[in-house]
C-alpha atoms as a PDB file:
ATOM      1  CA  MET A   1      -1.109 -26.556  71.304  1.00  0.00           C
ATOM      2  CA  LYS A   2      -3.673 -24.184  71.776  1.00  0.00           C
ATOM      3  CA  ARG A   3      -0.748 -21.705  70.189  1.00  0.00           C
ATOM      4  CA  ILE A   4      -0.118 -23.494  67.240  1.00  0.00           C
ATOM      5  CA  LEU A   5      -4.354 -23.711  66.703  1.00  0.00           C
ATOM      6  CA  ALA A   6      -4.477 -19.592  67.244  1.00  0.00           C
ATOM      7  CA  GLY A   7      -1.882 -19.345  64.832  1.00  0.00           C
ATOM      8  CA  CYS A   8      -3.909 -21.508  61.996  1.00  0.00           C
ATOM      9  CA  LEU A   9      -6.979 -19.502  62.591  1.00  0.00           C
ATOM     10  CA  ILE A  10      -5.074 -16.143  61.743  1.00  0.00           C
ATOM     11  CA  LEU A  11      -3.564 -17.596  59.169  1.00  0.00           C
ATOM     12  CA  THR A  12      -6.449 -19.092  57.586  1.00  0.00           C
ATOM     13  CA  SER A  13      -7.797 -15.455  58.422  1.00  0.00           C
ATOM     14  CA  PHE A  14      -5.774 -13.919  56.475  1.00  0.00           C
ATOM     15  CA  HIS A  15      -5.843 -16.546  53.512  1.00  0.00           C
ATOM     16  CA  VAL A  16      -9.564 -16.133  53.653  1.00  0.00           C
ATOM     17  CA  HIS A  17      -9.404 -12.177  53.367  1.00  0.00           C
ATOM     18  CA  ALA A  18      -7.182 -12.183  50.338  1.00  0.00           C
ATOM     19  CA  GLN A  19      -9.411 -13.527  48.457  1.00  0.00           C
ATOM     20  CA  THR A  20     -12.699 -11.780  49.073  1.00  0.00           C
ATOM     21  CA  TRP A  21     -13.303  -8.762  47.032  1.00  0.00           C
ATOM     22  CA  SER A  22     -16.122  -6.526  47.611  1.00  0.00           C
ATOM     23  CA  THR A  23     -18.129  -5.860  44.404  1.00  0.00           C
ATOM     24  CA  THR A  24     -18.683  -2.023  46.218  1.00  0.00           C
ATOM     25  CA  GLY A  25     -14.650  -1.908  45.667  1.00  0.00           C
ATOM     26  CA  ASN A  26     -11.684  -2.407  47.541  1.00  0.00           C
ATOM     27  CA  ALA A  27      -9.372  -0.297  49.489  1.00  0.00           C
ATOM     28  CA  GLY A  28      -5.721  -1.295  51.189  1.00  0.00           C
ATOM     29  CA  THR A  29      -4.196  -3.545  48.584  1.00  0.00           C
ATOM     30  CA  THR A  30      -0.710  -4.323  47.257  1.00  0.00           C
ATOM     31  CA  ALA A  31       0.048  -4.881  43.967  1.00  0.00           C
ATOM     32  CA  GLY A  32       1.156  -8.552  43.789  1.00  0.00           C
ATOM     33  CA  PRO A  33      -0.687 -10.543  46.746  1.00  0.00           C
ATOM     34  CA  ASN A  34      -3.779  -8.801  46.190  1.00  0.00           C
ATOM     35  CA  PHE A  35      -5.694  -9.740  42.487  1.00  0.00           C
ATOM     36  CA  VAL A  36      -8.463 -11.451  40.859  1.00  0.00           C
ATOM     37  CA  GLY A  37      -7.313 -14.525  39.071  1.00  0.00           C
ATOM     38  CA  THR A  38      -6.472 -17.818  39.377  1.00  0.00           C
ATOM     39  CA  THR A  39      -3.065 -19.398  40.733  1.00  0.00           C
ATOM     40  CA  ASP A  40      -3.578 -22.479  39.027  1.00  0.00           C
ATOM     41  CA  LEU A  41      -3.940 -24.184  35.548  1.00  0.00           C
ATOM     42  CA  GLN A  42      -7.967 -23.007  35.622  1.00  0.00           C
ATOM     43  CA  SER A  43      -9.123 -20.323  33.503  1.00  0.00           C
ATOM     44  CA  LEU A  44     -10.203 -16.674  34.659  1.00  0.00           C
ATOM     45  CA  MET A  45     -14.584 -16.872  33.569  1.00  0.00           C
ATOM     46  CA  LEU A  46     -16.221 -13.190  33.632  1.00  0.00           C
ATOM     47  CA  LYS A  47     -20.336 -13.103  33.423  1.00  0.00           C
ATOM     48  CA  THR A  48     -22.988 -11.128  32.914  1.00  0.00           C
ATOM     49  CA  ASN A  49     -26.506 -12.069  33.756  1.00  0.00           C
ATOM     50  CA  GLY A  50     -25.306 -15.362  34.585  1.00  0.00           C
ATOM     51  CA  ILE A  51     -24.174 -15.842  31.093  1.00  0.00           C
ATOM     52  CA  GLN A  52     -20.022 -16.342  30.324  1.00  0.00           C
ATOM     53  CA  ARG A  53     -19.269 -13.435  28.649  1.00  0.00           C
ATOM     54  CA  LEU A  54     -15.338 -13.541  28.452  1.00  0.00           C
ATOM     55  CA  LEU A  55     -12.562 -16.174  29.472  1.00  0.00           C
ATOM     56  CA  ILE A  56      -9.128 -15.549  29.907  1.00  0.00           C
ATOM     57  CA  ASP A  57      -7.624 -19.401  29.151  1.00  0.00           C
ATOM     58  CA  PRO A  58      -4.138 -20.141  31.260  1.00  0.00           C
ATOM     59  CA  GLN A  59      -1.960 -18.882  28.532  1.00  0.00           C
ATOM     60  CA  GLY A  60      -3.410 -15.877  28.701  1.00  0.00           C
ATOM     61  CA  VAL A  61      -5.897 -15.745  25.621  1.00  0.00           C
ATOM     62  CA  PHE A  62      -8.880 -13.744  25.323  1.00  0.00           C
ATOM     63  CA  LEU A  63     -12.410 -15.344  24.567  1.00  0.00           C
ATOM     64  CA  PHE A  64     -15.454 -13.448  24.083  1.00  0.00           C
ATOM     65  CA  ASN A  65     -18.793 -15.349  23.970  1.00  0.00           C
ATOM     66  CA  SER A  66     -20.002 -13.295  21.210  1.00  0.00           C
ATOM     67  CA  ASP A  67     -19.014 -13.198  17.596  1.00  0.00           C
ATOM     68  CA  TYR A  68     -17.522  -9.156  18.222  1.00  0.00           C
ATOM     69  CA  LEU A  69     -15.617  -7.405  20.917  1.00  0.00           C
ATOM     70  CA  LYS A  70     -18.273  -3.895  20.586  1.00  0.00           C
ATOM     71  CA  ILE A  71     -15.315  -0.893  22.302  1.00  0.00           C
ATOM     72  CA  GLN A  72     -17.837   1.837  23.398  1.00  0.00           C
ATOM     73  CA  SER A  73     -20.663   2.503  20.402  1.00  0.00           C
ATOM     74  CA  ARG A  74     -18.531   2.299  17.338  1.00  0.00           C
ATOM     75  CA  LEU A  75     -15.562   0.348  17.046  1.00  0.00           C
ATOM     76  CA  PHE A  76     -15.425  -3.622  16.000  1.00  0.00           C
ATOM     77  CA  LEU A  77     -12.786  -6.462  16.596  1.00  0.00           C
ATOM     78  CA  GLN A  78     -13.976  -9.412  14.869  1.00  0.00           C
ATOM     79  CA  ASP A  79     -11.936 -13.039  14.553  1.00  0.00           C
ATOM     80  CA  ALA A  80     -13.260 -15.475  11.895  1.00  0.00           C
ATOM     81  CA  SER A  81     -12.543 -18.338  14.100  1.00  0.00           C
ATOM     82  CA  SER A  82     -15.144 -17.055  16.945  1.00  0.00           C
ATOM     83  CA  SER A  83     -17.265 -15.279  14.293  1.00  0.00           C
ATOM     84  CA  SER A  84     -17.037 -17.469  11.229  1.00  0.00           C
ATOM     85  CA  LEU A  85     -17.057 -13.921   9.305  1.00  0.00           C
ATOM     86  CA  ASN A  86     -16.712 -15.704   6.268  1.00  0.00           C
ATOM     87  CA  ASN A  87     -14.163 -18.008   3.813  1.00  0.00           C
ATOM     88  CA  TYR A  88     -11.650 -14.890   2.691  1.00  0.00           C
ATOM     89  CA  THR A  89     -11.702 -13.199   6.404  1.00  0.00           C
ATOM     90  CA  ARG A  90      -9.832 -14.113   9.610  1.00  0.00           C
ATOM     91  CA  GLY A  91     -10.481 -11.114  11.278  1.00  0.00           C
ATOM     92  CA  SER A  92     -11.084  -7.573  11.107  1.00  0.00           C
ATOM     93  CA  ILE A  93     -11.048  -3.946  12.997  1.00  0.00           C
ATOM     94  CA  GLY A  94     -13.948  -2.295  11.836  1.00  0.00           C
ATOM     95  CA  ASN A  95     -15.437   1.689  12.985  1.00  0.00           C
ATOM     96  CA  ASN A  96     -19.226   1.150  12.567  1.00  0.00           C
ATOM     97  CA  ILE A  97     -18.715  -1.777  10.851  1.00  0.00           C
ATOM     98  CA  ARG A  98     -19.054  -5.418  11.645  1.00  0.00           C
ATOM     99  CA  TRP A  99     -20.105  -9.043  10.224  1.00  0.00           C
ATOM    100  CA  ASN A 100     -23.677 -10.263  11.509  1.00  0.00           C
ATOM    101  CA  GLY A 101     -23.246 -13.857  10.778  1.00  0.00           C
ATOM    102  CA  SER A 102     -27.482 -14.095  10.971  1.00  0.00           C
ATOM    103  CA  THR A 103     -27.497 -12.676   8.056  1.00  0.00           C
ATOM    104  CA  SER A 104     -23.873 -13.172   6.482  1.00  0.00           C
ATOM    105  CA  MET A 105     -23.508  -9.395   5.580  1.00  0.00           C
ATOM    106  CA  TRP A 106     -21.127  -6.533   7.223  1.00  0.00           C
ATOM    107  CA  LYS A 107     -23.581  -4.464   8.909  1.00  0.00           C
ATOM    108  CA  VAL A 108     -22.893  -0.944   9.391  1.00  0.00           C
ATOM    109  CA  GLU A 109     -24.836   0.435  12.341  1.00  0.00           C
ATOM    110  CA  SER A 110     -27.017   4.068  12.256  1.00  0.00           C
ATOM    111  CA  GLY A 111     -26.196   7.115  13.329  1.00  0.00           C
ATOM    112  CA  PRO A 112     -25.772   9.692  14.277  1.00  0.00           C
ATOM    113  CA  TYR A 113     -22.734   8.819  12.404  1.00  0.00           C
ATOM    114  CA  ASP A 114     -23.296   5.988  10.096  1.00  0.00           C
ATOM    115  CA  ASP A 115     -19.658   6.069   8.107  1.00  0.00           C
ATOM    116  CA  PHE A 116     -17.421   3.430   8.361  1.00  0.00           C
ATOM    117  CA  ALA A 117     -13.523   2.439   7.737  1.00  0.00           C
ATOM    118  CA  MET A 118     -12.352  -0.796   8.202  1.00  0.00           C
ATOM    119  CA  ILE A 119      -8.959  -2.652   8.205  1.00  0.00           C
ATOM    120  CA  ARG A 120      -9.576  -6.348   6.870  1.00  0.00           C
ATOM    121  CA  PHE A 121      -7.362  -9.334   7.446  1.00  0.00           C
ATOM    122  CA  ASP A 122      -7.615 -12.100   4.585  1.00  0.00           C
ATOM    123  CA  ASN A 123      -6.697 -16.029   4.484  1.00  0.00           C
ATOM    124  CA  ASN A 124      -4.280 -15.503   1.784  1.00  0.00           C
ATOM    125  CA  GLY A 125      -2.068 -12.859   3.854  1.00  0.00           C
ATOM    126  CA  HIS A 126      -3.848 -10.056   2.464  1.00  0.00           C
ATOM    127  CA  MET A 127      -4.884  -6.633   4.301  1.00  0.00           C
ATOM    128  CA  GLY A 128      -7.644  -4.522   2.936  1.00  0.00           C
ATOM    129  CA  PHE A 129      -8.609  -1.294   4.108  1.00  0.00           C
ATOM    130  CA  TYR A 130     -12.148  -0.033   3.151  1.00  0.00           C
ATOM    131  CA  THR A 131     -13.945   3.458   4.404  1.00  0.00           C
ATOM    132  CA  ARG A 132     -17.314   4.689   3.375  1.00  0.00           C
ATOM    133  CA  ALA A 133     -19.069   8.308   4.038  1.00  0.00           C
ATOM    134  CA  MET A 134     -21.867   8.849   5.517  1.00  0.00           C
ATOM    135  CA  THR A 135     -25.798   7.887   3.576  1.00  0.00           C
ATOM    136  CA  GLY A 136     -28.468   8.603   6.741  1.00  0.00           C
ATOM    137  CA  SER A 137     -29.372   5.341   7.692  1.00  0.00           C
ATOM    138  CA  SER A 138     -27.767   1.609   8.856  1.00  0.00           C
ATOM    139  CA  TYR A 139     -27.706  -0.676   6.059  1.00  0.00           C
ATOM    140  CA  GLU A 140     -25.967  -4.396   4.945  1.00  0.00           C
ATOM    141  CA  ILE A 141     -22.990  -5.113   2.511  1.00  0.00           C
ATOM    142  CA  SER A 142     -22.596  -8.251   0.849  1.00  0.00           C
ATOM    143  CA  HIS A 143     -19.030  -9.388   1.107  1.00  0.00           C
ATOM    144  CA  GLY A 144     -19.040  -9.378  -3.159  1.00  0.00           C
ATOM    145  CA  SER A 145     -19.870  -5.410  -2.939  1.00  0.00           C
ATOM    146  CA  LEU A 146     -17.612  -4.567   0.547  1.00  0.00           C
ATOM    147  CA  PHE A 147     -14.954  -4.556  -2.557  1.00  0.00           C
ATOM    148  CA  ASP A 148     -16.405  -1.374  -3.849  1.00  0.00           C
ATOM    149  CA  TYR A 149     -15.329   0.558  -0.856  1.00  0.00           C
ATOM    150  CA  GLN A 150     -11.498  -0.837  -0.435  1.00  0.00           C
ATOM    151  CA  ARG A 151      -9.274   1.921  -1.109  1.00  0.00           C
ATOM    152  CA  MET A 152      -6.067   0.082  -0.308  1.00  0.00           C
ATOM    153  CA  PHE A 153      -5.107  -3.050   0.016  1.00  0.00           C
ATOM    154  CA  ILE A 154      -1.459  -5.068   0.637  1.00  0.00           C
ATOM    155  CA  ASP A 155      -1.190  -8.611  -0.802  1.00  0.00           C
ATOM    156  CA  ASN A 156       0.904 -11.660   0.383  1.00  0.00           C
ATOM    157  CA  ALA A 157       4.048 -10.371  -1.450  1.00  0.00           C
ATOM    158  CA  GLY A 158       4.112  -6.963  -0.113  1.00  0.00           C
ATOM    159  CA  ASN A 159       2.414  -5.507  -3.230  1.00  0.00           C
ATOM    160  CA  VAL A 160       0.555  -2.244  -2.787  1.00  0.00           C
ATOM    161  CA  GLY A 161      -3.318  -1.630  -4.544  1.00  0.00           C
ATOM    162  CA  ILE A 162      -4.549   1.934  -3.811  1.00  0.00           C
ATOM    163  CA  ALA A 163      -7.816   2.479  -5.484  1.00  0.00           C
ATOM    164  CA  THR A 164      -7.509  -0.613  -7.636  1.00  0.00           C
ATOM    165  CA  ASN A 165      -7.862  -4.500  -7.027  1.00  0.00           C
ATOM    166  CA  ASP A 166      -5.519  -5.488  -9.011  1.00  0.00           C
ATOM    167  CA  THR A 167      -1.527  -4.519  -9.295  1.00  0.00           C
ATOM    168  CA  LYS A 168      -0.384  -6.472 -12.488  1.00  0.00           C
ATOM    169  CA  GLY A 169       2.219  -7.974  -9.980  1.00  0.00           C
ATOM    170  CA  TYR A 170       3.653  -4.388  -9.314  1.00  0.00           C
ATOM    171  CA  LYS A 171       5.185  -3.149  -6.058  1.00  0.00           C
ATOM    172  CA  LEU A 172       3.010  -0.240  -6.151  1.00  0.00           C
ATOM    173  CA  ALA A 173      -0.679   0.349  -8.514  1.00  0.00           C
ATOM    174  CA  VAL A 174      -2.332   3.310  -8.579  1.00  0.00           C
ATOM    175  CA  GLY A 175      -5.803   3.202 -10.057  1.00  0.00           C
ATOM    176  CA  GLY A 176      -6.162   7.292 -10.413  1.00  0.00           C
ATOM    177  CA  SER A 177      -3.791  10.072 -10.755  1.00  0.00           C
ATOM    178  CA  ALA A 178      -0.825  10.844  -8.418  1.00  0.00           C
ATOM    179  CA  ILE A 179       1.055  13.951  -7.170  1.00  0.00           C
ATOM    180  CA  PHE A 180       4.596  14.289  -5.623  1.00  0.00           C
ATOM    181  CA  THR A 181       6.711  16.938  -4.131  1.00  0.00           C
ATOM    182  CA  SER A 182       9.796  14.760  -5.759  1.00  0.00           C
ATOM    183  CA  ALA A 183      10.342  11.944  -7.169  1.00  0.00           C
ATOM    184  CA  LYS A 184      13.591   9.887  -8.193  1.00  0.00           C
ATOM    185  CA  VAL A 185      13.366   6.475 -10.493  1.00  0.00           C
ATOM    186  CA  LYS A 186      17.180   4.471  -9.920  1.00  0.00           C
ATOM    187  CA  LEU A 187      18.117   2.807 -13.635  1.00  0.00           C
ATOM    188  CA  GLN A 188      19.652  -0.101 -13.353  1.00  0.00           C
ATOM    189  CA  GLN A 189      20.862   0.514 -17.111  1.00  0.00           C
ATOM    190  CA  ASN A 190      23.090   2.283 -18.492  1.00  0.00           C
ATOM    191  CA  TRP A 191      22.899   6.510 -18.951  1.00  0.00           C
ATOM    192  CA  PRO A 192      23.223   7.174 -22.447  1.00  0.00           C
ATOM    193  CA  ASP A 193      26.083   9.420 -22.232  1.00  0.00           C
ATOM    194  CA  TYR A 194      27.510   6.595 -24.126  1.00  0.00           C
ATOM    195  CA  VAL A 195      26.617   8.294 -27.052  1.00  0.00           C
ATOM    196  CA  PHE A 196      28.992  10.920 -27.143  1.00  0.00           C
ATOM    197  CA  LYS A 197      31.909   8.476 -27.307  1.00  0.00           C
ATOM    198  CA  LYS A 198      33.993   8.061 -30.340  1.00  0.00           C
ATOM    199  CA  ASP A 199      33.261   4.865 -30.944  1.00  0.00           C
ATOM    200  CA  TYR A 200      29.232   5.167 -31.386  1.00  0.00           C
ATOM    201  CA  ARG A 201      27.837   4.421 -34.349  1.00  0.00           C
ATOM    202  CA  LEU A 202      25.455   7.184 -35.001  1.00  0.00           C
ATOM    203  CA  LEU A 203      22.589   5.996 -37.487  1.00  0.00           C
ATOM    204  CA  SER A 204      22.464   8.229 -40.875  1.00  0.00           C
ATOM    205  CA  LEU A 205      20.054  10.779 -41.634  1.00  0.00           C
ATOM    206  CA  ALA A 206      19.205   8.308 -44.885  1.00  0.00           C
ATOM    207  CA  ASP A 207      18.689   5.499 -42.803  1.00  0.00           C
ATOM    208  CA  LEU A 208      16.653   7.387 -40.112  1.00  0.00           C
ATOM    209  CA  GLU A 209      14.325   8.940 -42.331  1.00  0.00           C
ATOM    210  CA  LYS A 210      13.591   5.070 -43.952  1.00  0.00           C
ATOM    211  CA  PHE A 211      13.090   4.031 -40.516  1.00  0.00           C
ATOM    212  CA  ILE A 212      10.574   6.834 -39.564  1.00  0.00           C
ATOM    213  CA  GLN A 213       8.892   6.067 -42.606  1.00  0.00           C
ATOM    214  CA  GLN A 214       8.615   2.361 -41.818  1.00  0.00           C
ATOM    215  CA  ASN A 215       7.665   2.293 -38.501  1.00  0.00           C
ATOM    216  CA  ASN A 216       6.255   5.796 -37.637  1.00  0.00           C
ATOM    217  CA  HIS A 217       8.190   6.251 -34.255  1.00  0.00           C
ATOM    218  CA  LEU A 218      11.804   6.624 -33.744  1.00  0.00           C
ATOM    219  CA  PRO A 219      13.892   4.139 -33.011  1.00  0.00           C
ATOM    220  CA  GLU A 220      14.558   2.816 -29.567  1.00  0.00           C
ATOM    221  CA  ILE A 221      11.188   4.764 -28.815  1.00  0.00           C
ATOM    222  CA  PRO A 222       7.628   2.411 -28.083  1.00  0.00           C
ATOM    223  CA  SER A 223       5.101   3.162 -30.268  1.00  0.00           C
ATOM    224  CA  ALA A 224       2.018   4.266 -29.428  1.00  0.00           C
ATOM    225  CA  GLU A 225       0.834   0.799 -29.708  1.00  0.00           C
ATOM    226  CA  GLU A 226       2.948  -0.643 -27.061  1.00  0.00           C
ATOM    227  CA  VAL A 227       2.382   2.386 -24.982  1.00  0.00           C
ATOM    228  CA  ALA A 228      -1.353   1.420 -25.063  1.00  0.00           C
ATOM    229  CA  LYS A 229      -1.142  -1.630 -24.571  1.00  0.00           C
ATOM    230  CA  ASP A 230       1.963  -2.139 -22.039  1.00  0.00           C
ATOM    231  CA  GLY A 231       2.282   1.413 -20.428  1.00  0.00           C
ATOM    232  CA  LEU A 232       5.249   3.578 -20.145  1.00  0.00           C
ATOM    233  CA  ASP A 233       8.450   2.756 -18.111  1.00  0.00           C
ATOM    234  CA  LEU A 234       8.957   6.330 -16.810  1.00  0.00           C
ATOM    235  CA  GLY A 235      12.801   5.312 -16.250  1.00  0.00           C
ATOM    236  CA  SER A 236      13.392   3.626 -18.949  1.00  0.00           C
ATOM    237  CA  ASN A 237      11.587   6.436 -21.195  1.00  0.00           C
ATOM    238  CA  GLN A 238      13.699   9.514 -19.620  1.00  0.00           C
ATOM    239  CA  ALA A 239      16.969   7.405 -20.410  1.00  0.00           C
ATOM    240  CA  ALA A 240      15.782   6.780 -24.433  1.00  0.00           C
ATOM    241  CA  LEU A 241      14.776  10.174 -24.961  1.00  0.00           C
ATOM    242  CA  LEU A 242      17.962  11.779 -23.336  1.00  0.00           C
ATOM    243  CA  LYS A 243      19.862   9.428 -25.914  1.00  0.00           C
ATOM    244  CA  LYS A 244      17.521  11.003 -28.924  1.00  0.00           C
ATOM    245  CA  ILE A 245      18.385  14.506 -27.414  1.00  0.00           C
ATOM    246  CA  GLU A 246      22.268  13.671 -27.225  1.00  0.00           C
ATOM    247  CA  GLU A 247      21.745  12.061 -31.015  1.00  0.00           C
ATOM    248  CA  LEU A 248      20.235  15.001 -32.259  1.00  0.00           C
ATOM    249  CA  THR A 249      22.844  17.434 -30.885  1.00  0.00           C
ATOM    250  CA  LEU A 250      24.961  15.097 -32.294  1.00  0.00           C
ATOM    251  CA  TYR A 251      23.428  15.515 -35.733  1.00  0.00           C
ATOM    252  CA  ILE A 252      23.205  19.397 -35.393  1.00  0.00           C
ATOM    253  CA  ILE A 253      27.013  19.384 -34.528  1.00  0.00           C
ATOM    254  CA  GLU A 254      27.838  17.551 -37.965  1.00  0.00           C
ATOM    255  CA  GLN A 255      25.206  19.720 -39.963  1.00  0.00           C
ATOM    256  CA  ASN A 256      26.761  22.686 -38.688  1.00  0.00           C
ATOM    257  CA  LYS A 257      30.237  21.601 -39.384  1.00  0.00           C
ATOM    258  CA  GLU A 258      29.070  20.711 -43.334  1.00  0.00           C
ATOM    259  CA  MET A 259      27.525  24.289 -43.233  1.00  0.00           C
ATOM    260  CA  GLN A 260      30.778  25.836 -41.820  1.00  0.00           C
ATOM    261  CA  GLN A 261      32.450  23.887 -44.737  1.00  0.00           C
ATOM    262  CA  MET A 262      30.014  24.832 -47.214  1.00  0.00           C
ATOM    263  CA  LYS A 263      30.428  28.447 -46.195  1.00  0.00           C
ATOM    264  CA  THR A 264      34.273  28.046 -47.004  1.00  0.00           C
ATOM    265  CA  GLN A 265      33.820  26.581 -49.992  1.00  0.00           C
ATOM    266  CA  ILE A 266      30.933  29.363 -50.886  1.00  0.00           C
ATOM    267  CA  LYS A 267      33.682  32.074 -49.576  1.00  0.00           C
ATOM    268  CA  GLU A 268      36.492  31.054 -52.019  1.00  0.00           C
ATOM    269  CA  LEU A 269      34.480  30.604 -55.023  1.00  0.00           C
ATOM    270  CA  GLU A 270      33.137  34.212 -54.572  1.00  0.00           C
ATOM    271  CA  ASN A 271      36.879  34.981 -54.057  1.00  0.00           C
ATOM    272  CA  LYS A 272      38.045  33.224 -57.403  1.00  0.00           C
ATOM    273  CA  VAL A 273      35.213  35.128 -58.994  1.00  0.00           C
ATOM    274  CA  ASN A 274      35.985  38.490 -57.762  1.00  0.00           C
ATOM    275  CA  ASP A 275      39.504  37.906 -58.674  1.00  0.00           C
ATOM    276  CA  ASN A 276      38.579  36.802 -62.389  1.00  0.00           C
ATOM    277  CA  SER A 277      36.627  39.665 -62.913  1.00  0.00           C
ATOM    278  CA  THR A 278      39.308  42.131 -61.546  1.00  0.00           C
ATOM    279  CA  THR A 279      41.884  40.227 -64.011  1.00  0.00           C
ATOM    280  CA  LYS A 280      39.727  40.877 -66.938  1.00  0.00           C
ATOM    281  CA  GLN A 281      39.344  44.247 -66.458  1.00  0.00           C
END
């Protein structure tokens, strides 16, 4: 009986020791058996100054008792469910910027660096990217004014807008100039080499002249008004221009044939004139 009691005391001692952690650090621990946490369906709570700051629920979800998680001095992580950002934001990752629930404004922290950058996740599936350079002091921005600093966004259809707030349904819209080291447009239409086929009907020069006089642009080429309204499709425009070049080439070939024929006729006339002159002498 005494041996059984002694064994129970030893096991109890080990159990108590395994659950006791020093606030000045622990040594001789083993990964797995030694841990800080729970073994039942209870949450793990961390407090400072007697106030709950962090809760890890039984499913491993981190819940912060704050409007935001601040990492070091500049990085903020916010979730709309805990910070009540606004009706348009589900969460954000901000460098030196966060949502201030008490003022319903975006707060940019003060120096020494008061620039900011942020990724914002909208409730409609959008992602917005925002930046601003240093201004010299802290300030707040209304949600509406924040869009003045939106540099790029991706909407819920996968459309990307750069320096614009509206892609107008295009997959990529750029509100400004762009430069490429290489660009390729893959057309879904036939390349206009069919112009050189024998059955292609080339518009006569007289009909072409009449069309230009009536419309002030070449056939199948958009007018200035159409370009101003709808823009210019680079791929289709390149194909249309090539078609006109190929038609022009055919016109030149035809004109050259006519010129050669005229030269031959002139030469024949000259020979006849010379022959008649020689006969009369």
